[in-house]
Amino acid sequence: MKIQIHHLAPFRAPLLARLASVFALSSLLVAAQGRASERWATLEAIHELENPRDSAQPGQRGELGPYQFREQTWKMYTHAPFSHALDRHSSDAVAVKHYNWIKAELERRGVEASPYRVALAWNGGISAVLEEHPCPAAVDYASRAANIAADIESKEMADSR
C-alpha cells in the first residue's frame, strides 16, 4: 500500500514558520488588547474631567452623564432617550461608539488617533485636531486627559505584573 505524501505537504511546514504564525497572531491579540486598554484609559480620563462625581445635574449646555454628552451626540449612536445618558452602562456604550467614530474619522484623515487627539476632538470637535491653532481651552483639556490616561495605563500595567 502506497501513501501519497504530496497530500501531506501542507502539514509539514517548518516549525519556525508555524511559530511565526503563532507569534503574529499573538502580537495582533496583544495589540488589540493594548488598543482596548488605551481606549478604556482615554474614556476614563474623559469621565474624570467631565463628571468625576457622576452628578445627575445637566451641564451648562444641557450635557448629561459621566461623559457629559450633548443630546445631538447621544442621538448619533442610540435611540434610547437622552435621560439614559445618566446610566453608566448606557453612557459607556455610547462613549465607546463615539470614541471609535472619532478614531476612525481621524485615521481617515491621516491623523494618528492618540489619547491626546481623541480628547481634543471629544472636547473641540474633529476640526480642533486639524487646525493649526486649536482653542487653548480644548488643548488644555486634551493635555490633561492624555496625562490622566497615561497614569491610568501605567497603573494598569503595574497591577498586571
N, C-alpha and C. Protein backbone atom coordinates (compact mmCIF):
# COMPACT_ATOMS: atom_id res chain seq x y z
N MET A 1 0.84 -1.18 0.00
CA MET A 1 0.00 0.00 0.00
C MET A 1 0.88 1.23 0.00
N LYS A 2 0.59 2.11 -0.93
CA LYS A 2 1.36 3.33 -1.08
C LYS A 2 0.59 4.51 -0.50
N ILE A 3 1.30 5.34 0.28
CA ILE A 3 0.69 6.57 0.81
C ILE A 3 1.16 7.71 -0.06
N GLN A 4 0.24 8.53 -0.47
CA GLN A 4 0.62 9.68 -1.29
C GLN A 4 1.04 10.82 -0.37
N ILE A 5 2.32 11.08 -0.33
CA ILE A 5 2.91 12.08 0.55
C ILE A 5 2.55 13.49 0.13
N HIS A 6 2.36 13.74 -1.16
CA HIS A 6 2.12 15.10 -1.62
C HIS A 6 0.86 15.72 -0.99
N HIS A 7 -0.08 14.91 -0.53
CA HIS A 7 -1.27 15.43 0.15
C HIS A 7 -0.94 15.91 1.55
N LEU A 8 0.15 15.44 2.13
CA LEU A 8 0.53 15.83 3.48
C LEU A 8 1.48 17.03 3.49
N ALA A 9 1.95 17.46 2.36
CA ALA A 9 2.95 18.53 2.28
C ALA A 9 2.53 19.80 3.03
N PRO A 10 1.30 20.26 2.93
CA PRO A 10 0.94 21.49 3.65
C PRO A 10 1.09 21.35 5.17
N PHE A 11 1.03 20.14 5.68
CA PHE A 11 1.12 19.94 7.12
C PHE A 11 2.57 19.82 7.60
N ARG A 12 3.51 19.80 6.67
CA ARG A 12 4.90 19.63 7.04
C ARG A 12 5.64 20.96 7.03
N ALA A 13 4.93 22.04 7.30
CA ALA A 13 5.58 23.36 7.33
C ALA A 13 6.64 23.33 8.43
N PRO A 14 7.74 23.99 8.18
CA PRO A 14 8.80 24.01 9.19
C PRO A 14 8.28 24.60 10.50
N LEU A 15 8.87 24.15 11.57
CA LEU A 15 8.47 24.61 12.91
C LEU A 15 8.57 26.13 13.03
N LEU A 16 9.62 26.69 12.46
CA LEU A 16 9.81 28.14 12.53
C LEU A 16 8.66 28.89 11.88
N ALA A 17 8.18 28.41 10.75
CA ALA A 17 7.06 29.06 10.07
C ALA A 17 5.79 28.98 10.91
N ARG A 18 5.59 27.81 11.53
CA ARG A 18 4.40 27.67 12.40
C ARG A 18 4.51 28.59 13.60
N LEU A 19 5.69 28.67 14.19
CA LEU A 19 5.88 29.57 15.33
C LEU A 19 5.70 31.02 14.93
N ALA A 20 6.14 31.38 13.73
CA ALA A 20 5.99 32.75 13.25
C ALA A 20 4.51 33.12 13.14
N SER A 21 3.69 32.19 12.65
CA SER A 21 2.27 32.48 12.53
C SER A 21 1.61 32.60 13.90
N VAL A 22 2.03 31.77 14.84
CA VAL A 22 1.51 31.87 16.21
C VAL A 22 1.93 33.20 16.83
N PHE A 23 3.19 33.59 16.61
CA PHE A 23 3.68 34.87 17.14
C PHE A 23 2.91 36.04 16.53
N ALA A 24 2.66 35.98 15.23
CA ALA A 24 1.93 37.06 14.55
C ALA A 24 0.52 37.18 15.12
N LEU A 25 -0.14 36.06 15.32
CA LEU A 25 -1.49 36.07 15.88
C LEU A 25 -1.49 36.61 17.30
N SER A 26 -0.54 36.17 18.12
CA SER A 26 -0.49 36.65 19.50
C SER A 26 -0.14 38.13 19.54
N SER A 27 0.68 38.60 18.61
CA SER A 27 1.00 40.03 18.54
C SER A 27 -0.23 40.84 18.21
N LEU A 28 -1.05 40.33 17.29
CA LEU A 28 -2.30 41.02 16.96
C LEU A 28 -3.23 41.07 18.15
N LEU A 29 -3.31 39.97 18.90
CA LEU A 29 -4.18 39.95 20.07
C LEU A 29 -3.69 40.92 21.14
N VAL A 30 -2.38 40.98 21.36
CA VAL A 30 -1.80 41.91 22.34
C VAL A 30 -2.04 43.34 21.88
N ALA A 31 -1.86 43.60 20.59
CA ALA A 31 -2.08 44.95 20.07
C ALA A 31 -3.54 45.35 20.22
N ALA A 32 -4.45 44.43 19.94
CA ALA A 32 -5.87 44.73 20.10
C ALA A 32 -6.20 44.98 21.57
N GLN A 33 -5.61 44.18 22.45
CA GLN A 33 -5.81 44.37 23.88
C GLN A 33 -5.25 45.72 24.32
N GLY A 34 -4.10 46.10 23.77
CA GLY A 34 -3.49 47.38 24.08
C GLY A 34 -4.36 48.54 23.63
N ARG A 35 -4.95 48.40 22.42
CA ARG A 35 -5.84 49.46 21.93
C ARG A 35 -7.08 49.57 22.80
N ALA A 36 -7.61 48.43 23.24
CA ALA A 36 -8.78 48.46 24.12
C ALA A 36 -8.42 49.10 25.45
N SER A 37 -7.23 48.79 25.95
CA SER A 37 -6.76 49.40 27.20
C SER A 37 -6.59 50.90 27.04
N GLU A 38 -6.01 51.32 25.89
CA GLU A 38 -5.84 52.74 25.63
C GLU A 38 -7.19 53.43 25.51
N ARG A 39 -8.14 52.79 24.86
CA ARG A 39 -9.50 53.35 24.73
C ARG A 39 -10.12 53.50 26.11
N TRP A 40 -10.04 52.44 26.91
CA TRP A 40 -10.63 52.50 28.25
C TRP A 40 -9.99 53.61 29.07
N ALA A 41 -8.66 53.71 29.03
CA ALA A 41 -7.96 54.74 29.81
C ALA A 41 -8.34 56.14 29.34
N THR A 42 -8.46 56.32 28.03
CA THR A 42 -8.85 57.62 27.49
C THR A 42 -10.26 57.98 27.91
N LEU A 43 -11.17 57.02 27.80
CA LEU A 43 -12.56 57.29 28.20
C LEU A 43 -12.67 57.55 29.70
N GLU A 44 -11.91 56.83 30.50
CA GLU A 44 -11.95 57.07 31.95
C GLU A 44 -11.38 58.46 32.26
N ALA A 45 -10.35 58.86 31.54
CA ALA A 45 -9.79 60.21 31.72
C ALA A 45 -10.83 61.27 31.36
N ILE A 46 -11.54 61.05 30.28
CA ILE A 46 -12.60 62.00 29.88
C ILE A 46 -13.68 62.04 30.95
N HIS A 47 -14.04 60.88 31.48
CA HIS A 47 -15.03 60.84 32.56
C HIS A 47 -14.55 61.65 33.77
N GLU A 48 -13.27 61.47 34.14
CA GLU A 48 -12.72 62.20 35.28
C GLU A 48 -12.74 63.71 35.07
N LEU A 49 -12.55 64.14 33.84
CA LEU A 49 -12.58 65.58 33.56
C LEU A 49 -14.01 66.11 33.43
N GLU A 50 -14.89 65.31 32.86
CA GLU A 50 -16.24 65.78 32.59
C GLU A 50 -17.17 65.73 33.81
N ASN A 51 -17.17 64.61 34.50
CA ASN A 51 -18.16 64.44 35.57
C ASN A 51 -17.66 63.39 36.57
N PRO A 52 -16.58 63.68 37.29
CA PRO A 52 -15.97 62.67 38.16
C PRO A 52 -16.87 62.18 39.29
N ARG A 53 -17.84 62.97 39.71
CA ARG A 53 -18.74 62.56 40.80
C ARG A 53 -20.07 62.01 40.28
N ASP A 54 -20.16 61.85 38.97
CA ASP A 54 -21.38 61.34 38.33
C ASP A 54 -22.62 62.11 38.75
N SER A 55 -22.51 63.41 38.73
CA SER A 55 -23.65 64.27 39.07
C SER A 55 -24.75 64.09 38.02
N ALA A 56 -25.98 64.09 38.49
CA ALA A 56 -27.13 63.99 37.59
C ALA A 56 -27.54 65.37 37.06
N GLN A 57 -26.91 66.42 37.57
CA GLN A 57 -27.24 67.77 37.12
C GLN A 57 -26.75 67.98 35.69
N PRO A 58 -27.59 68.55 34.83
CA PRO A 58 -27.14 68.85 33.47
C PRO A 58 -26.03 69.89 33.48
N GLY A 59 -25.15 69.82 32.48
CA GLY A 59 -24.10 70.81 32.32
C GLY A 59 -24.67 72.12 31.80
N GLN A 60 -23.80 73.09 31.58
CA GLN A 60 -24.22 74.42 31.13
C GLN A 60 -24.98 74.39 29.81
N ARG A 61 -24.67 73.45 28.96
CA ARG A 61 -25.33 73.34 27.65
C ARG A 61 -26.26 72.13 27.58
N GLY A 62 -26.70 71.65 28.75
CA GLY A 62 -27.62 70.52 28.81
C GLY A 62 -26.96 69.16 28.75
N GLU A 63 -25.65 69.10 28.87
CA GLU A 63 -24.93 67.82 28.80
C GLU A 63 -25.33 66.93 29.98
N LEU A 64 -25.33 65.62 29.71
CA LEU A 64 -25.70 64.66 30.76
C LEU A 64 -24.71 63.51 30.85
N GLY A 65 -24.63 62.95 32.05
CA GLY A 65 -23.93 61.70 32.27
C GLY A 65 -22.45 61.81 32.54
N PRO A 66 -21.83 60.66 32.71
CA PRO A 66 -20.40 60.60 33.06
C PRO A 66 -19.50 61.28 32.03
N TYR A 67 -19.92 61.28 30.77
CA TYR A 67 -19.10 61.86 29.70
C TYR A 67 -19.64 63.21 29.24
N GLN A 68 -20.71 63.66 29.88
CA GLN A 68 -21.34 64.94 29.57
C GLN A 68 -21.68 65.05 28.07
N PHE A 69 -22.45 64.06 27.61
CA PHE A 69 -22.90 64.07 26.23
C PHE A 69 -23.91 65.18 26.00
N ARG A 70 -23.84 65.78 24.84
CA ARG A 70 -24.91 66.65 24.38
C ARG A 70 -25.93 65.75 23.71
N GLU A 71 -27.17 66.18 23.70
CA GLU A 71 -28.24 65.35 23.15
C GLU A 71 -27.99 64.97 21.69
N GLN A 72 -27.47 65.89 20.91
CA GLN A 72 -27.20 65.62 19.50
C GLN A 72 -26.18 64.49 19.34
N THR A 73 -25.14 64.50 20.15
CA THR A 73 -24.13 63.44 20.09
C THR A 73 -24.75 62.11 20.53
N TRP A 74 -25.51 62.13 21.61
CA TRP A 74 -26.17 60.93 22.11
C TRP A 74 -27.00 60.27 21.02
N LYS A 75 -27.76 61.09 20.30
CA LYS A 75 -28.67 60.56 19.28
C LYS A 75 -27.94 60.04 18.04
N MET A 76 -26.66 60.35 17.90
CA MET A 76 -25.87 59.79 16.79
C MET A 76 -25.70 58.28 16.95
N TYR A 77 -25.78 57.78 18.19
CA TYR A 77 -25.40 56.40 18.47
C TYR A 77 -26.50 55.53 19.06
N THR A 78 -27.59 56.13 19.48
CA THR A 78 -28.63 55.32 20.12
C THR A 78 -30.01 55.98 19.95
N HIS A 79 -31.02 55.12 20.02
CA HIS A 79 -32.40 55.62 20.01
C HIS A 79 -32.95 55.72 21.43
N ALA A 80 -32.14 55.34 22.41
CA ALA A 80 -32.56 55.43 23.81
C ALA A 80 -32.79 56.89 24.18
N PRO A 81 -33.73 57.13 25.07
CA PRO A 81 -33.96 58.52 25.50
C PRO A 81 -32.68 59.14 26.06
N PHE A 82 -32.53 60.44 25.86
CA PHE A 82 -31.34 61.15 26.31
C PHE A 82 -31.15 61.02 27.81
N SER A 83 -32.21 60.87 28.56
CA SER A 83 -32.10 60.72 30.01
C SER A 83 -31.29 59.48 30.40
N HIS A 84 -31.19 58.50 29.49
CA HIS A 84 -30.40 57.29 29.76
C HIS A 84 -28.90 57.58 29.80
N ALA A 85 -28.51 58.78 29.39
CA ALA A 85 -27.09 59.16 29.48
C ALA A 85 -26.64 59.19 30.93
N LEU A 86 -27.58 59.26 31.86
CA LEU A 86 -27.25 59.25 33.29
C LEU A 86 -26.88 57.84 33.78
N ASP A 87 -27.30 56.83 33.05
CA ASP A 87 -26.99 55.44 33.39
C ASP A 87 -25.58 55.12 32.90
N ARG A 88 -24.70 54.71 33.78
CA ARG A 88 -23.30 54.48 33.43
C ARG A 88 -23.14 53.44 32.33
N HIS A 89 -23.88 52.35 32.41
CA HIS A 89 -23.77 51.29 31.40
C HIS A 89 -24.14 51.82 30.01
N SER A 90 -25.26 52.52 29.92
CA SER A 90 -25.70 53.08 28.64
C SER A 90 -24.72 54.12 28.15
N SER A 91 -24.25 54.95 29.07
CA SER A 91 -23.31 56.00 28.71
C SER A 91 -21.97 55.42 28.24
N ASP A 92 -21.51 54.36 28.89
CA ASP A 92 -20.28 53.70 28.47
C ASP A 92 -20.40 53.17 27.04
N ALA A 93 -21.55 52.57 26.74
CA ALA A 93 -21.76 52.00 25.39
C ALA A 93 -21.70 53.11 24.34
N VAL A 94 -22.33 54.23 24.62
CA VAL A 94 -22.30 55.35 23.67
C VAL A 94 -20.90 55.96 23.60
N ALA A 95 -20.21 56.02 24.73
CA ALA A 95 -18.85 56.57 24.76
C ALA A 95 -17.91 55.75 23.88
N VAL A 96 -18.03 54.43 23.94
CA VAL A 96 -17.19 53.56 23.10
C VAL A 96 -17.49 53.82 21.62
N LYS A 97 -18.76 53.93 21.28
CA LYS A 97 -19.12 54.20 19.89
C LYS A 97 -18.59 55.55 19.43
N HIS A 98 -18.69 56.56 20.30
CA HIS A 98 -18.20 57.89 19.94
C HIS A 98 -16.68 57.88 19.81
N TYR A 99 -16.00 57.23 20.74
CA TYR A 99 -14.54 57.09 20.66
C TYR A 99 -14.15 56.44 19.33
N ASN A 100 -14.82 55.33 19.00
CA ASN A 100 -14.50 54.62 17.76
C ASN A 100 -14.74 55.49 16.53
N TRP A 101 -15.81 56.30 16.57
CA TRP A 101 -16.09 57.20 15.46
C TRP A 101 -14.99 58.25 15.34
N ILE A 102 -14.60 58.86 16.46
CA ILE A 102 -13.53 59.86 16.44
C ILE A 102 -12.25 59.23 15.90
N LYS A 103 -11.90 58.07 16.41
CA LYS A 103 -10.67 57.38 15.98
C LYS A 103 -10.70 57.10 14.48
N ALA A 104 -11.80 56.57 13.99
CA ALA A 104 -11.93 56.25 12.57
C ALA A 104 -11.87 57.52 11.72
N GLU A 105 -12.50 58.57 12.18
CA GLU A 105 -12.50 59.83 11.44
C GLU A 105 -11.10 60.43 11.37
N LEU A 106 -10.38 60.39 12.48
CA LEU A 106 -9.00 60.90 12.48
C LEU A 106 -8.13 60.07 11.53
N GLU A 107 -8.23 58.76 11.63
CA GLU A 107 -7.43 57.88 10.78
C GLU A 107 -7.79 58.05 9.31
N ARG A 108 -9.07 58.27 9.02
CA ARG A 108 -9.50 58.51 7.64
C ARG A 108 -8.83 59.77 7.08
N ARG A 109 -8.55 60.71 7.95
CA ARG A 109 -7.91 61.96 7.53
C ARG A 109 -6.38 61.90 7.66
N GLY A 110 -5.86 60.72 7.96
CA GLY A 110 -4.41 60.52 8.01
C GLY A 110 -3.76 61.00 9.29
N VAL A 111 -4.54 61.08 10.37
CA VAL A 111 -4.03 61.56 11.65
C VAL A 111 -4.07 60.41 12.66
N GLU A 112 -2.96 60.20 13.37
CA GLU A 112 -2.91 59.16 14.39
C GLU A 112 -3.89 59.50 15.51
N ALA A 113 -4.65 58.52 15.95
CA ALA A 113 -5.66 58.73 16.99
C ALA A 113 -5.08 58.48 18.37
N SER A 114 -4.19 59.35 18.80
CA SER A 114 -3.60 59.24 20.13
C SER A 114 -4.62 59.66 21.19
N PRO A 115 -4.40 59.31 22.46
CA PRO A 115 -5.32 59.77 23.50
C PRO A 115 -5.48 61.30 23.50
N TYR A 116 -4.38 62.02 23.27
CA TYR A 116 -4.44 63.48 23.23
C TYR A 116 -5.38 63.95 22.11
N ARG A 117 -5.21 63.39 20.92
CA ARG A 117 -6.03 63.83 19.78
C ARG A 117 -7.49 63.41 19.92
N VAL A 118 -7.72 62.23 20.49
CA VAL A 118 -9.11 61.81 20.72
C VAL A 118 -9.77 62.77 21.71
N ALA A 119 -9.07 63.10 22.79
CA ALA A 119 -9.62 64.03 23.78
C ALA A 119 -9.81 65.42 23.18
N LEU A 120 -8.89 65.85 22.35
CA LEU A 120 -9.02 67.16 21.70
C LEU A 120 -10.27 67.18 20.82
N ALA A 121 -10.49 66.11 20.06
CA ALA A 121 -11.68 66.01 19.22
C ALA A 121 -12.94 65.88 20.06
N TRP A 122 -12.85 65.14 21.17
CA TRP A 122 -14.01 64.97 22.06
C TRP A 122 -14.47 66.32 22.58
N ASN A 123 -13.52 67.17 22.92
CA ASN A 123 -13.85 68.46 23.52
C ASN A 123 -14.07 69.55 22.49
N GLY A 124 -13.29 69.56 21.41
CA GLY A 124 -13.36 70.66 20.46
C GLY A 124 -13.80 70.27 19.06
N GLY A 125 -14.13 69.01 18.85
CA GLY A 125 -14.54 68.55 17.54
C GLY A 125 -13.34 68.12 16.70
N ILE A 126 -13.60 67.38 15.64
CA ILE A 126 -12.54 66.90 14.75
C ILE A 126 -11.73 68.08 14.22
N SER A 127 -12.39 69.18 13.96
CA SER A 127 -11.70 70.35 13.40
C SER A 127 -10.60 70.86 14.33
N ALA A 128 -10.77 70.69 15.64
CA ALA A 128 -9.75 71.14 16.59
C ALA A 128 -8.44 70.39 16.38
N VAL A 129 -8.53 69.14 15.98
CA VAL A 129 -7.32 68.34 15.74
C VAL A 129 -6.65 68.78 14.44
N LEU A 130 -7.44 69.20 13.48
CA LEU A 130 -6.91 69.54 12.17
C LEU A 130 -6.42 70.98 12.08
N GLU A 131 -6.89 71.84 12.99
CA GLU A 131 -6.50 73.26 12.97
C GLU A 131 -5.05 73.43 13.41
N GLU A 132 -4.42 74.47 12.88
CA GLU A 132 -3.04 74.76 13.27
C GLU A 132 -2.99 75.28 14.71
N HIS A 133 -3.99 76.08 15.10
CA HIS A 133 -4.02 76.65 16.44
C HIS A 133 -5.40 76.43 17.06
N PRO A 134 -5.63 75.24 17.64
CA PRO A 134 -6.95 74.99 18.25
C PRO A 134 -7.16 75.86 19.49
N CYS A 135 -8.38 75.92 19.91
CA CYS A 135 -8.77 76.70 21.09
C CYS A 135 -7.90 76.28 22.29
N PRO A 136 -7.31 77.25 23.00
CA PRO A 136 -6.47 76.91 24.16
C PRO A 136 -7.18 76.07 25.22
N ALA A 137 -8.46 76.30 25.42
CA ALA A 137 -9.20 75.51 26.41
C ALA A 137 -9.28 74.04 25.99
N ALA A 138 -9.48 73.79 24.70
CA ALA A 138 -9.53 72.41 24.20
C ALA A 138 -8.15 71.75 24.29
N VAL A 139 -7.10 72.52 24.03
CA VAL A 139 -5.73 72.00 24.14
C VAL A 139 -5.43 71.62 25.59
N ASP A 140 -5.83 72.49 26.52
CA ASP A 140 -5.63 72.21 27.95
C ASP A 140 -6.38 70.94 28.35
N TYR A 141 -7.63 70.84 27.92
CA TYR A 141 -8.46 69.66 28.21
C TYR A 141 -7.78 68.40 27.68
N ALA A 142 -7.33 68.44 26.42
CA ALA A 142 -6.70 67.27 25.81
C ALA A 142 -5.41 66.89 26.51
N SER A 143 -4.63 67.89 26.92
CA SER A 143 -3.38 67.62 27.64
C SER A 143 -3.66 66.94 28.98
N ARG A 144 -4.65 67.47 29.70
CA ARG A 144 -5.00 66.86 30.98
C ARG A 144 -5.53 65.44 30.79
N ALA A 145 -6.38 65.25 29.78
CA ALA A 145 -6.93 63.91 29.52
C ALA A 145 -5.81 62.93 29.15
N ALA A 146 -4.89 63.34 28.32
CA ALA A 146 -3.79 62.45 27.91
C ALA A 146 -2.92 62.08 29.12
N ASN A 147 -2.68 63.04 30.00
CA ASN A 147 -1.88 62.76 31.21
C ASN A 147 -2.61 61.78 32.14
N ILE A 148 -3.89 62.00 32.34
CA ILE A 148 -4.68 61.11 33.19
C ILE A 148 -4.71 59.70 32.58
N ALA A 149 -4.93 59.63 31.26
CA ALA A 149 -4.98 58.33 30.57
C ALA A 149 -3.64 57.60 30.72
N ALA A 150 -2.54 58.33 30.59
CA ALA A 150 -1.21 57.71 30.75
C ALA A 150 -1.03 57.18 32.16
N ASP A 151 -1.50 57.93 33.17
CA ASP A 151 -1.42 57.47 34.56
C ASP A 151 -2.25 56.20 34.76
N ILE A 152 -3.44 56.18 34.20
CA ILE A 152 -4.33 55.02 34.31
C ILE A 152 -3.67 53.80 33.67
N GLU A 153 -3.12 53.98 32.48
CA GLU A 153 -2.48 52.86 31.78
C GLU A 153 -1.26 52.36 32.53
N SER A 154 -0.45 53.27 33.10
CA SER A 154 0.74 52.81 33.82
C SER A 154 0.34 52.08 35.10
N LYS A 155 -0.73 52.49 35.76
CA LYS A 155 -1.23 51.78 36.94
C LYS A 155 -1.74 50.39 36.54
N GLU A 156 -2.42 50.31 35.41
CA GLU A 156 -2.91 49.02 34.91
C GLU A 156 -1.75 48.08 34.64
N MET A 157 -0.70 48.61 34.01
CA MET A 157 0.48 47.79 33.71
C MET A 157 1.13 47.29 35.00
N ALA A 158 1.25 48.18 36.00
CA ALA A 158 1.86 47.81 37.26
C ALA A 158 1.02 46.76 37.98
N ASP A 159 -0.30 46.91 37.93
CA ASP A 159 -1.20 45.96 38.60
C ASP A 159 -1.19 44.59 37.93
N SER A 160 -0.91 44.55 36.62
CA SER A 160 -0.94 43.28 35.90
C SER A 160 0.34 42.46 36.09
N ARG A 161 1.32 43.04 36.72
CA ARG A 161 2.61 42.32 36.92
C ARG A 161 2.57 41.44 38.12
